[in-house]
Amino acid sequence: MLFKKLILLFVLVSLIACEKNNPDPAWIQVNKWTLVENPDSQFPVGELTQNFTDATVYVDNELIGVFEIPFKIPVLKSGSKLIRIYPTIKNNGISATKKKYPFVEYYEITANLVQNQTLEINPVTRYKEFLNIWLEDFEDAAVKIENDPNSSVQMFTGNNPAILKWGNFYGNVDLTANDSLWVAYTSTDMTLPKWTETYLEIDYYNTANIVTGVLAISSSAINNNQNIQLNKQNESTVKWKKIYIDLKEIVSNAQNAEYFKMSFQSLLPEGQASGKICIDNVKVIHF
């Protein structure tokens, strides 16, 4: 019994000693991202919509971690420190595949970290200067997304105040039991580089699934590579969402393609009387 008490006393003393030896942390609190205009952008970027759900944090070039915003984290560092924060996305909308978004700038600040005190940061970012951006925001009369001849329903521009969020118009598709299939693609022939970061950004509001894809076109064939599905939302809670779709692998594996188009397809779900699809701020971006 005495031996067990001595062991317990030794453990308690060790824990107290460890607690005394561990310094109290400083705290870093990071709030939501703000995306601002870059006056040096080489191409129009349209509306500054973003869905940077996370932040990758470095302190003095040491990776601290990736965290969902907003967050507050302890850091066992003190004094003047260089803090660098990268806008981070759910790649292809998947929570398990978070990635620093390559087309926007990191936020950097030199600040004094003090034990038991909180440094609050409101990070700001902007698109990098030298980007190629294809944009369809439905503000011009000539819409750059065209309906396939096999599509039973046509896209038109909508401006319902209950739905409209940016600018004056958005792309609108209404599916019904009689007109239940929408198929469309971008009208522009896009030359996209191989093995280079390339993304499709899209804001969407939908009560029917949307399947995105990439048409790889050569003189001898058109290959439709279906990619990411944007799952339908409940009609009572539908809202605008934004996704970043990674195109690098599809484009790079299309070795014989001379150019590309983005494709969109939706079929009214079985048993559903109608479906609405709205899209806006469609961007294809690469370096």
C-alpha atoms as a PDB file:
ATOM      1  CA  MET A   1       0.000   0.000   0.000  1.00  0.00           C
ATOM      2  CA  LEU A   2       2.832   2.382   0.877  1.00  0.00           C
ATOM      3  CA  PHE A   3       4.502   1.582  -2.447  1.00  0.00           C
ATOM      4  CA  LYS A   4       1.313   2.479  -4.383  1.00  0.00           C
ATOM      5  CA  LYS A   5       1.001   5.759  -2.464  1.00  0.00           C
ATOM      6  CA  LEU A   6       4.620   6.631  -3.304  1.00  0.00           C
ATOM      7  CA  ILE A   7       3.989   5.962  -7.010  1.00  0.00           C
ATOM      8  CA  LEU A   8       0.857   8.133  -6.952  1.00  0.00           C
ATOM      9  CA  LEU A   9       2.758  10.924  -5.212  1.00  0.00           C
ATOM     10  CA  PHE A  10       5.542  10.676  -7.829  1.00  0.00           C
ATOM     11  CA  VAL A  11       3.012  10.926 -10.691  1.00  0.00           C
ATOM     12  CA  LEU A  12       1.337  13.982  -9.143  1.00  0.00           C
ATOM     13  CA  VAL A  13       4.644  15.720  -8.600  1.00  0.00           C
ATOM     14  CA  SER A  14       5.659  14.971 -12.212  1.00  0.00           C
ATOM     15  CA  LEU A  15       2.403  16.371 -13.575  1.00  0.00           C
ATOM     16  CA  ILE A  16       2.776  19.549 -11.525  1.00  0.00           C
ATOM     17  CA  ALA A  17       6.366  19.953 -12.729  1.00  0.00           C
ATOM     18  CA  CYS A  18       5.320  19.472 -16.377  1.00  0.00           C
ATOM     19  CA  GLU A  19       2.536  22.019 -15.969  1.00  0.00           C
ATOM     20  CA  LYS A  20       4.995  24.549 -14.562  1.00  0.00           C
ATOM     21  CA  ASN A  21       7.489  23.896 -17.361  1.00  0.00           C
ATOM     22  CA  ASN A  22       4.912  24.340 -20.157  1.00  0.00           C
ATOM     23  CA  PRO A  23       4.511  28.033 -20.958  1.00  0.00           C
ATOM     24  CA  ASP A  24       1.065  29.532 -21.294  1.00  0.00           C
ATOM     25  CA  PRO A  25       0.178  29.990 -24.971  1.00  0.00           C
ATOM     26  CA  ALA A  26      -0.587  33.094 -26.920  1.00  0.00           C
ATOM     27  CA  TRP A  27      -3.852  32.894 -28.861  1.00  0.00           C
ATOM     28  CA  ILE A  28      -4.609  33.685 -32.490  1.00  0.00           C
ATOM     29  CA  GLN A  29      -8.208  34.309 -33.507  1.00  0.00           C
ATOM     30  CA  VAL A  30      -8.936  34.331 -37.251  1.00  0.00           C
ATOM     31  CA  ASN A  31     -12.278  35.589 -38.533  1.00  0.00           C
ATOM     32  CA  LYS A  32     -13.917  35.134 -41.927  1.00  0.00           C
ATOM     33  CA  TRP A  33     -12.128  35.967 -45.157  1.00  0.00           C
ATOM     34  CA  THR A  34     -12.753  39.127 -47.175  1.00  0.00           C
ATOM     35  CA  LEU A  35     -12.080  39.058 -50.933  1.00  0.00           C
ATOM     36  CA  VAL A  36     -11.235  42.488 -52.380  1.00  0.00           C
ATOM     37  CA  GLU A  37     -10.476  43.862 -55.824  1.00  0.00           C
ATOM     38  CA  ASN A  38      -6.969  43.733 -57.251  1.00  0.00           C
ATOM     39  CA  PRO A  39      -6.533  46.869 -59.380  1.00  0.00           C
ATOM     40  CA  ASP A  40      -3.660  45.190 -61.257  1.00  0.00           C
ATOM     41  CA  SER A  41      -5.712  42.218 -62.504  1.00  0.00           C
ATOM     42  CA  GLN A  42      -5.105  41.492 -66.190  1.00  0.00           C
ATOM     43  CA  PHE A  43      -8.637  40.134 -66.794  1.00  0.00           C
ATOM     44  CA  PRO A  44     -12.049  41.142 -65.422  1.00  0.00           C
ATOM     45  CA  VAL A  45     -12.894  38.991 -62.393  1.00  0.00           C
ATOM     46  CA  GLY A  46     -16.583  39.839 -62.075  1.00  0.00           C
ATOM     47  CA  GLU A  47     -18.313  39.726 -58.724  1.00  0.00           C
ATOM     48  CA  LEU A  48     -16.018  39.009 -55.791  1.00  0.00           C
ATOM     49  CA  THR A  49     -17.836  35.971 -54.453  1.00  0.00           C
ATOM     50  CA  GLN A  50     -15.868  33.491 -52.364  1.00  0.00           C
ATOM     51  CA  ASN A  51     -16.216  30.397 -50.227  1.00  0.00           C
ATOM     52  CA  PHE A  52     -12.887  30.183 -48.418  1.00  0.00           C
ATOM     53  CA  THR A  53     -14.054  27.921 -45.632  1.00  0.00           C
ATOM     54  CA  ASP A  54     -10.664  27.406 -44.010  1.00  0.00           C
ATOM     55  CA  ALA A  55      -7.278  28.955 -43.396  1.00  0.00           C
ATOM     56  CA  THR A  56      -3.801  27.420 -43.465  1.00  0.00           C
ATOM     57  CA  VAL A  57      -1.676  29.119 -40.816  1.00  0.00           C
ATOM     58  CA  TYR A  58       2.091  29.543 -40.623  1.00  0.00           C
ATOM     59  CA  VAL A  59       4.020  31.333 -37.861  1.00  0.00           C
ATOM     60  CA  ASP A  60       7.630  32.187 -38.760  1.00  0.00           C
ATOM     61  CA  ASN A  61       7.324  29.753 -41.699  1.00  0.00           C
ATOM     62  CA  GLU A  62       6.315  26.883 -39.388  1.00  0.00           C
ATOM     63  CA  LEU A  63       3.032  25.213 -40.303  1.00  0.00           C
ATOM     64  CA  ILE A  64       0.594  25.473 -37.403  1.00  0.00           C
ATOM     65  CA  GLY A  65      -2.303  23.757 -39.159  1.00  0.00           C
ATOM     66  CA  VAL A  66      -5.443  24.038 -41.273  1.00  0.00           C
ATOM     67  CA  PHE A  67      -8.534  25.306 -39.484  1.00  0.00           C
ATOM     68  CA  GLU A  68     -12.156  26.007 -40.369  1.00  0.00           C
ATOM     69  CA  ILE A  69     -12.967  29.679 -39.980  1.00  0.00           C
ATOM     70  CA  PRO A  70     -13.671  31.370 -37.696  1.00  0.00           C
ATOM     71  CA  PHE A  71     -11.335  29.810 -35.129  1.00  0.00           C
ATOM     72  CA  LYS A  72      -9.172  30.537 -32.109  1.00  0.00           C
ATOM     73  CA  ILE A  73      -6.009  28.515 -31.584  1.00  0.00           C
ATOM     74  CA  PRO A  74      -3.204  28.418 -28.981  1.00  0.00           C
ATOM     75  CA  VAL A  75       0.358  29.047 -30.156  1.00  0.00           C
ATOM     76  CA  LEU A  76       3.382  28.261 -27.990  1.00  0.00           C
ATOM     77  CA  LYS A  77       5.316  31.230 -29.329  1.00  0.00           C
ATOM     78  CA  SER A  78       5.788  34.776 -28.101  1.00  0.00           C
ATOM     79  CA  GLY A  79       7.341  37.991 -29.298  1.00  0.00           C
ATOM     80  CA  SER A  80       7.338  39.519 -32.779  1.00  0.00           C
ATOM     81  CA  LYS A  81       6.264  36.853 -35.272  1.00  0.00           C
ATOM     82  CA  LEU A  82       5.551  36.684 -38.982  1.00  0.00           C
ATOM     83  CA  ILE A  83       2.067  35.203 -39.441  1.00  0.00           C
ATOM     84  CA  ARG A  84       1.016  34.028 -42.878  1.00  0.00           C
ATOM     85  CA  ILE A  85      -2.523  32.831 -43.592  1.00  0.00           C
ATOM     86  CA  TYR A  86      -3.598  31.155 -46.844  1.00  0.00           C
ATOM     87  CA  PRO A  87      -7.193  31.062 -48.150  1.00  0.00           C
ATOM     88  CA  THR A  88      -8.166  27.396 -48.179  1.00  0.00           C
ATOM     89  CA  ILE A  89     -11.039  25.687 -49.995  1.00  0.00           C
ATOM     90  CA  LYS A  90     -12.863  22.396 -49.925  1.00  0.00           C
ATOM     91  CA  ASN A  91     -11.483  21.066 -53.192  1.00  0.00           C
ATOM     92  CA  ASN A  92     -14.403  19.919 -55.382  1.00  0.00           C
ATOM     93  CA  GLY A  93     -16.658  20.684 -52.407  1.00  0.00           C
ATOM     94  CA  ILE A  94     -15.226  17.776 -50.386  1.00  0.00           C
ATOM     95  CA  SER A  95     -14.406  18.504 -46.741  1.00  0.00           C
ATOM     96  CA  ALA A  96     -11.679  15.861 -46.626  1.00  0.00           C
ATOM     97  CA  THR A  97      -9.718  17.437 -49.491  1.00  0.00           C
ATOM     98  CA  LYS A  98      -8.855  20.926 -48.293  1.00  0.00           C
ATOM     99  CA  LYS A  99      -6.394  22.887 -50.382  1.00  0.00           C
ATOM    100  CA  LYS A 100      -4.805  26.321 -50.465  1.00  0.00           C
ATOM    101  CA  TYR A 101      -6.550  28.083 -53.355  1.00  0.00           C
ATOM    102  CA  PRO A 102      -3.774  28.830 -55.838  1.00  0.00           C
ATOM    103  CA  PHE A 103      -5.256  31.913 -57.503  1.00  0.00           C
ATOM    104  CA  VAL A 104      -5.497  34.247 -54.527  1.00  0.00           C
ATOM    105  CA  GLU A 105      -2.871  35.904 -52.350  1.00  0.00           C
ATOM    106  CA  TYR A 106      -2.039  34.922 -48.791  1.00  0.00           C
ATOM    107  CA  TYR A 107      -2.523  37.353 -45.921  1.00  0.00           C
ATOM    108  CA  GLU A 108       0.572  38.308 -43.987  1.00  0.00           C
ATOM    109  CA  ILE A 109       1.093  40.254 -40.793  1.00  0.00           C
ATOM    110  CA  THR A 110       3.961  40.790 -38.366  1.00  0.00           C
ATOM    111  CA  ALA A 111       2.551  40.968 -34.857  1.00  0.00           C
ATOM    112  CA  ASN A 112       3.570  40.621 -31.246  1.00  0.00           C
ATOM    113  CA  LEU A 113       2.316  37.422 -29.622  1.00  0.00           C
ATOM    114  CA  VAL A 114       1.827  37.694 -25.863  1.00  0.00           C
ATOM    115  CA  GLN A 115       1.133  34.810 -23.515  1.00  0.00           C
ATOM    116  CA  ASN A 116      -2.504  34.581 -22.421  1.00  0.00           C
ATOM    117  CA  GLN A 117      -3.495  37.329 -24.840  1.00  0.00           C
ATOM    118  CA  THR A 118      -5.477  36.978 -28.093  1.00  0.00           C
ATOM    119  CA  LEU A 119      -4.398  38.423 -31.421  1.00  0.00           C
ATOM    120  CA  GLU A 120      -7.499  38.924 -33.584  1.00  0.00           C
ATOM    121  CA  ILE A 121      -7.010  38.818 -37.353  1.00  0.00           C
ATOM    122  CA  ASN A 122      -9.503  39.720 -40.081  1.00  0.00           C
ATOM    123  CA  PRO A 123      -7.773  38.253 -43.156  1.00  0.00           C
ATOM    124  CA  VAL A 124      -8.094  39.902 -46.564  1.00  0.00           C
ATOM    125  CA  THR A 125      -7.160  38.410 -49.922  1.00  0.00           C
ATOM    126  CA  ARG A 126      -7.461  39.174 -53.636  1.00  0.00           C
ATOM    127  CA  TYR A 127      -6.992  37.411 -56.954  1.00  0.00           C
ATOM    128  CA  LYS A 128      -3.403  37.310 -58.143  1.00  0.00           C
ATOM    129  CA  GLU A 129      -2.398  39.657 -60.925  1.00  0.00           C
ATOM    130  CA  PHE A 130      -1.428  37.329 -63.778  1.00  0.00           C
ATOM    131  CA  LEU A 131      -4.369  34.995 -64.308  1.00  0.00           C
ATOM    132  CA  ASN A 132      -6.367  33.890 -67.322  1.00  0.00           C
ATOM    133  CA  ILE A 133     -10.059  34.183 -66.446  1.00  0.00           C
ATOM    134  CA  TRP A 134     -13.009  33.190 -68.625  1.00  0.00           C
ATOM    135  CA  LEU A 135     -16.120  34.793 -67.148  1.00  0.00           C
ATOM    136  CA  GLU A 136     -19.874  34.471 -67.616  1.00  0.00           C
ATOM    137  CA  ASP A 137     -21.854  36.641 -65.223  1.00  0.00           C
ATOM    138  CA  PHE A 138     -24.942  37.015 -67.471  1.00  0.00           C
ATOM    139  CA  GLU A 139     -24.639  40.790 -67.533  1.00  0.00           C
ATOM    140  CA  ASP A 140     -24.030  40.956 -71.310  1.00  0.00           C
ATOM    141  CA  ALA A 141     -26.743  40.316 -73.892  1.00  0.00           C
ATOM    142  CA  ALA A 142     -24.608  37.661 -75.599  1.00  0.00           C
ATOM    143  CA  VAL A 143     -24.729  34.734 -73.156  1.00  0.00           C
ATOM    144  CA  LYS A 144     -21.672  32.479 -73.454  1.00  0.00           C
ATOM    145  CA  ILE A 145     -23.476  29.295 -72.348  1.00  0.00           C
ATOM    146  CA  GLU A 146     -25.559  27.692 -75.089  1.00  0.00           C
ATOM    147  CA  ASN A 147     -28.183  24.988 -74.944  1.00  0.00           C
ATOM    148  CA  ASP A 148     -27.567  21.653 -76.667  1.00  0.00           C
ATOM    149  CA  PRO A 149     -30.057  20.758 -79.453  1.00  0.00           C
ATOM    150  CA  ASN A 150     -31.068  17.687 -77.428  1.00  0.00           C
ATOM    151  CA  SER A 151     -31.979  19.797 -74.408  1.00  0.00           C
ATOM    152  CA  SER A 152     -35.732  19.877 -73.800  1.00  0.00           C
ATOM    153  CA  VAL A 153     -35.523  23.095 -71.794  1.00  0.00           C
ATOM    154  CA  GLN A 154     -33.628  26.282 -72.490  1.00  0.00           C
ATOM    155  CA  MET A 155     -31.598  28.509 -70.215  1.00  0.00           C
ATOM    156  CA  PHE A 156     -32.589  32.159 -70.135  1.00  0.00           C
ATOM    157  CA  THR A 157     -31.472  35.088 -68.021  1.00  0.00           C
ATOM    158  CA  GLY A 158     -33.504  35.645 -64.872  1.00  0.00           C
ATOM    159  CA  ASN A 159     -33.799  38.578 -62.498  1.00  0.00           C
ATOM    160  CA  ASN A 160     -36.324  37.501 -59.871  1.00  0.00           C
ATOM    161  CA  PRO A 161     -35.615  39.824 -56.912  1.00  0.00           C
ATOM    162  CA  ALA A 162     -36.234  36.938 -54.506  1.00  0.00           C
ATOM    163  CA  ILE A 163     -33.321  35.047 -56.094  1.00  0.00           C
ATOM    164  CA  LEU A 164     -31.058  37.729 -57.606  1.00  0.00           C
ATOM    165  CA  LYS A 165     -27.943  38.330 -55.507  1.00  0.00           C
ATOM    166  CA  TRP A 166     -25.341  39.929 -57.793  1.00  0.00           C
ATOM    167  CA  GLY A 167     -25.605  42.339 -60.702  1.00  0.00           C
ATOM    168  CA  ASN A 168     -28.774  42.423 -62.791  1.00  0.00           C
ATOM    169  CA  PHE A 169     -29.155  38.873 -64.116  1.00  0.00           C
ATOM    170  CA  TYR A 170     -28.334  35.216 -63.552  1.00  0.00           C
ATOM    171  CA  GLY A 171     -28.703  32.119 -65.708  1.00  0.00           C
ATOM    172  CA  ASN A 172     -32.069  30.405 -65.126  1.00  0.00           C
ATOM    173  CA  VAL A 173     -33.429  26.970 -66.017  1.00  0.00           C
ATOM    174  CA  ASP A 174     -36.923  25.730 -65.090  1.00  0.00           C
ATOM    175  CA  LEU A 175     -37.463  21.980 -65.314  1.00  0.00           C
ATOM    176  CA  THR A 176     -40.930  20.456 -65.516  1.00  0.00           C
ATOM    177  CA  ALA A 177     -42.353  16.979 -66.053  1.00  0.00           C
ATOM    178  CA  ASN A 178     -42.716  17.723 -69.786  1.00  0.00           C
ATOM    179  CA  ASP A 179     -39.398  19.569 -70.136  1.00  0.00           C
ATOM    180  CA  SER A 180     -37.220  17.585 -67.792  1.00  0.00           C
ATOM    181  CA  LEU A 181     -33.742  17.630 -69.375  1.00  0.00           C
ATOM    182  CA  TRP A 182     -31.261  20.480 -69.602  1.00  0.00           C
ATOM    183  CA  VAL A 183     -27.981  20.089 -71.463  1.00  0.00           C
ATOM    184  CA  ALA A 184     -25.671  23.012 -72.176  1.00  0.00           C
ATOM    185  CA  TYR A 185     -22.041  23.963 -72.654  1.00  0.00           C
ATOM    186  CA  THR A 186     -19.897  27.042 -72.883  1.00  0.00           C
ATOM    187  CA  SER A 187     -19.761  28.507 -76.375  1.00  0.00           C
ATOM    188  CA  THR A 188     -16.112  29.569 -76.126  1.00  0.00           C
ATOM    189  CA  ASP A 189     -13.344  27.273 -77.359  1.00  0.00           C
ATOM    190  CA  MET A 190     -10.963  27.283 -74.389  1.00  0.00           C
ATOM    191  CA  THR A 191      -7.297  26.445 -74.761  1.00  0.00           C
ATOM    192  CA  LEU A 192      -6.284  25.128 -71.348  1.00  0.00           C
ATOM    193  CA  PRO A 193      -2.721  24.224 -70.306  1.00  0.00           C
ATOM    194  CA  LYS A 194      -1.723  20.722 -69.251  1.00  0.00           C
ATOM    195  CA  TRP A 195      -0.496  20.006 -65.709  1.00  0.00           C
ATOM    196  CA  THR A 196      -1.327  23.517 -64.579  1.00  0.00           C
ATOM    197  CA  GLU A 197      -3.753  24.544 -61.859  1.00  0.00           C
ATOM    198  CA  THR A 198      -7.124  25.081 -63.565  1.00  0.00           C
ATOM    199  CA  TYR A 199     -10.455  25.579 -61.825  1.00  0.00           C
ATOM    200  CA  LEU A 200     -14.122  26.110 -62.540  1.00  0.00           C
ATOM    201  CA  GLU A 201     -15.759  28.473 -60.067  1.00  0.00           C
ATOM    202  CA  ILE A 202     -19.537  28.613 -60.017  1.00  0.00           C
ATOM    203  CA  ASP A 203     -22.264  30.076 -57.818  1.00  0.00           C
ATOM    204  CA  TYR A 204     -25.417  27.952 -57.932  1.00  0.00           C
ATOM    205  CA  TYR A 205     -28.971  27.820 -56.582  1.00  0.00           C
ATOM    206  CA  ASN A 206     -30.666  24.523 -57.414  1.00  0.00           C
ATOM    207  CA  THR A 207     -33.505  22.195 -56.555  1.00  0.00           C
ATOM    208  CA  ALA A 208     -32.330  19.634 -59.127  1.00  0.00           C
ATOM    209  CA  ASN A 209     -28.906  18.047 -59.457  1.00  0.00           C
ATOM    210  CA  ILE A 210     -26.414  19.666 -61.836  1.00  0.00           C
ATOM    211  CA  VAL A 211     -23.685  17.500 -63.335  1.00  0.00           C
ATOM    212  CA  THR A 212     -20.673  19.512 -64.448  1.00  0.00           C
ATOM    213  CA  GLY A 213     -18.226  18.215 -67.010  1.00  0.00           C
ATOM    214  CA  VAL A 214     -15.488  19.033 -69.478  1.00  0.00           C
ATOM    215  CA  LEU A 215     -15.783  18.508 -73.235  1.00  0.00           C
ATOM    216  CA  ALA A 216     -12.365  17.602 -74.635  1.00  0.00           C
ATOM    217  CA  ILE A 217     -12.573  18.368 -78.347  1.00  0.00           C
ATOM    218  CA  SER A 218     -10.265  17.360 -81.166  1.00  0.00           C
ATOM    219  CA  SER A 219     -10.691  17.181 -84.941  1.00  0.00           C
ATOM    220  CA  SER A 220     -11.696  13.517 -84.656  1.00  0.00           C
ATOM    221  CA  ALA A 221     -13.677  13.252 -81.402  1.00  0.00           C
ATOM    222  CA  ILE A 222     -15.577  14.976 -78.608  1.00  0.00           C
ATOM    223  CA  ASN A 223     -15.156  13.365 -75.204  1.00  0.00           C
ATOM    224  CA  ASN A 224     -17.524  14.437 -72.449  1.00  0.00           C
ATOM    225  CA  ASN A 225     -15.774  13.949 -69.123  1.00  0.00           C
ATOM    226  CA  GLN A 226     -18.453  14.141 -66.454  1.00  0.00           C
ATOM    227  CA  ASN A 227     -17.005  15.600 -63.304  1.00  0.00           C
ATOM    228  CA  ILE A 228     -18.610  16.966 -60.126  1.00  0.00           C
ATOM    229  CA  GLN A 229     -22.318  16.836 -59.303  1.00  0.00           C
ATOM    230  CA  LEU A 230     -23.893  19.775 -57.502  1.00  0.00           C
ATOM    231  CA  ASN A 231     -26.495  18.093 -55.333  1.00  0.00           C
ATOM    232  CA  LYS A 232     -30.022  19.442 -55.308  1.00  0.00           C
ATOM    233  CA  GLN A 233     -31.237  21.496 -52.352  1.00  0.00           C
ATOM    234  CA  ASN A 234     -34.557  21.380 -50.581  1.00  0.00           C
ATOM    235  CA  GLU A 235     -37.021  23.848 -52.052  1.00  0.00           C
ATOM    236  CA  SER A 236     -37.804  25.349 -48.636  1.00  0.00           C
ATOM    237  CA  THR A 237     -34.159  26.031 -47.755  1.00  0.00           C
ATOM    238  CA  VAL A 238     -32.479  26.516 -51.143  1.00  0.00           C
ATOM    239  CA  LYS A 239     -29.810  29.235 -51.218  1.00  0.00           C
ATOM    240  CA  TRP A 240     -26.843  30.354 -53.278  1.00  0.00           C
ATOM    241  CA  LYS A 241     -23.717  28.243 -52.822  1.00  0.00           C
ATOM    242  CA  LYS A 242     -20.247  28.397 -54.329  1.00  0.00           C
ATOM    243  CA  ILE A 243     -17.897  25.592 -55.336  1.00  0.00           C
ATOM    244  CA  TYR A 244     -14.344  25.323 -56.673  1.00  0.00           C
ATOM    245  CA  ILE A 245     -13.993  22.451 -59.148  1.00  0.00           C
ATOM    246  CA  ASP A 246     -10.504  21.161 -59.937  1.00  0.00           C
ATOM    247  CA  LEU A 247     -10.005  20.605 -63.679  1.00  0.00           C
ATOM    248  CA  LYS A 248      -6.271  19.927 -63.764  1.00  0.00           C
ATOM    249  CA  GLU A 249      -6.419  16.134 -64.004  1.00  0.00           C
ATOM    250  CA  ILE A 250      -9.187  16.005 -66.630  1.00  0.00           C
ATOM    251  CA  VAL A 251      -7.502  18.597 -68.839  1.00  0.00           C
ATOM    252  CA  SER A 252      -4.051  17.039 -68.480  1.00  0.00           C
ATOM    253  CA  ASN A 253      -5.254  13.536 -69.334  1.00  0.00           C
ATOM    254  CA  ALA A 254      -6.976  14.729 -72.506  1.00  0.00           C
ATOM    255  CA  GLN A 255      -3.751  14.457 -74.499  1.00  0.00           C
ATOM    256  CA  ASN A 256      -5.307  14.830 -77.957  1.00  0.00           C
ATOM    257  CA  ALA A 257      -7.713  17.633 -77.135  1.00  0.00           C
ATOM    258  CA  GLU A 258      -7.257  20.830 -79.104  1.00  0.00           C
ATOM    259  CA  TYR A 259      -9.628  22.845 -76.960  1.00  0.00           C
ATOM    260  CA  PHE A 260     -12.222  22.482 -74.207  1.00  0.00           C
ATOM    261  CA  LYS A 261     -15.736  23.521 -73.236  1.00  0.00           C
ATOM    262  CA  MET A 262     -17.444  23.278 -69.856  1.00  0.00           C
ATOM    263  CA  SER A 263     -20.640  21.201 -69.871  1.00  0.00           C
ATOM    264  CA  PHE A 264     -23.742  21.233 -67.663  1.00  0.00           C
ATOM    265  CA  GLN A 265     -26.557  18.716 -67.430  1.00  0.00           C
ATOM    266  CA  SER A 266     -29.626  18.291 -65.251  1.00  0.00           C
ATOM    267  CA  LEU A 267     -32.517  15.834 -65.230  1.00  0.00           C
ATOM    268  CA  LEU A 268     -35.616  16.439 -63.151  1.00  0.00           C
ATOM    269  CA  PRO A 269     -35.561  13.952 -60.252  1.00  0.00           C
ATOM    270  CA  GLU A 270     -38.155  11.193 -60.425  1.00  0.00           C
ATOM    271  CA  GLY A 271     -41.313  12.080 -58.533  1.00  0.00           C
ATOM    272  CA  GLN A 272     -40.483  15.790 -58.451  1.00  0.00           C
ATOM    273  CA  ALA A 273     -42.964  18.084 -60.229  1.00  0.00           C
ATOM    274  CA  SER A 274     -40.499  20.868 -61.012  1.00  0.00           C
ATOM    275  CA  GLY A 275     -36.932  21.964 -60.485  1.00  0.00           C
ATOM    276  CA  LYS A 276     -35.110  25.260 -60.654  1.00  0.00           C
ATOM    277  CA  ILE A 277     -31.485  25.844 -61.565  1.00  0.00           C
ATOM    278  CA  CYS A 278     -29.808  29.220 -61.293  1.00  0.00           C
ATOM    279  CA  ILE A 279     -26.114  29.807 -61.913  1.00  0.00           C
ATOM    280  CA  ASP A 280     -23.969  32.927 -61.823  1.00  0.00           C
ATOM    281  CA  ASN A 281     -20.361  34.115 -61.761  1.00  0.00           C
ATOM    282  CA  VAL A 282     -19.101  31.164 -63.784  1.00  0.00           C
ATOM    283  CA  LYS A 283     -15.307  31.402 -64.059  1.00  0.00           C
ATOM    284  CA  VAL A 284     -12.636  29.187 -65.586  1.00  0.00           C
ATOM    285  CA  ILE A 285      -9.272  30.218 -64.166  1.00  0.00           C
ATOM    286  CA  HIS A 286      -5.710  29.163 -64.831  1.00  0.00           C
ATOM    287  CA  PHE A 287      -2.239  30.682 -64.743  1.00  0.00           C
END
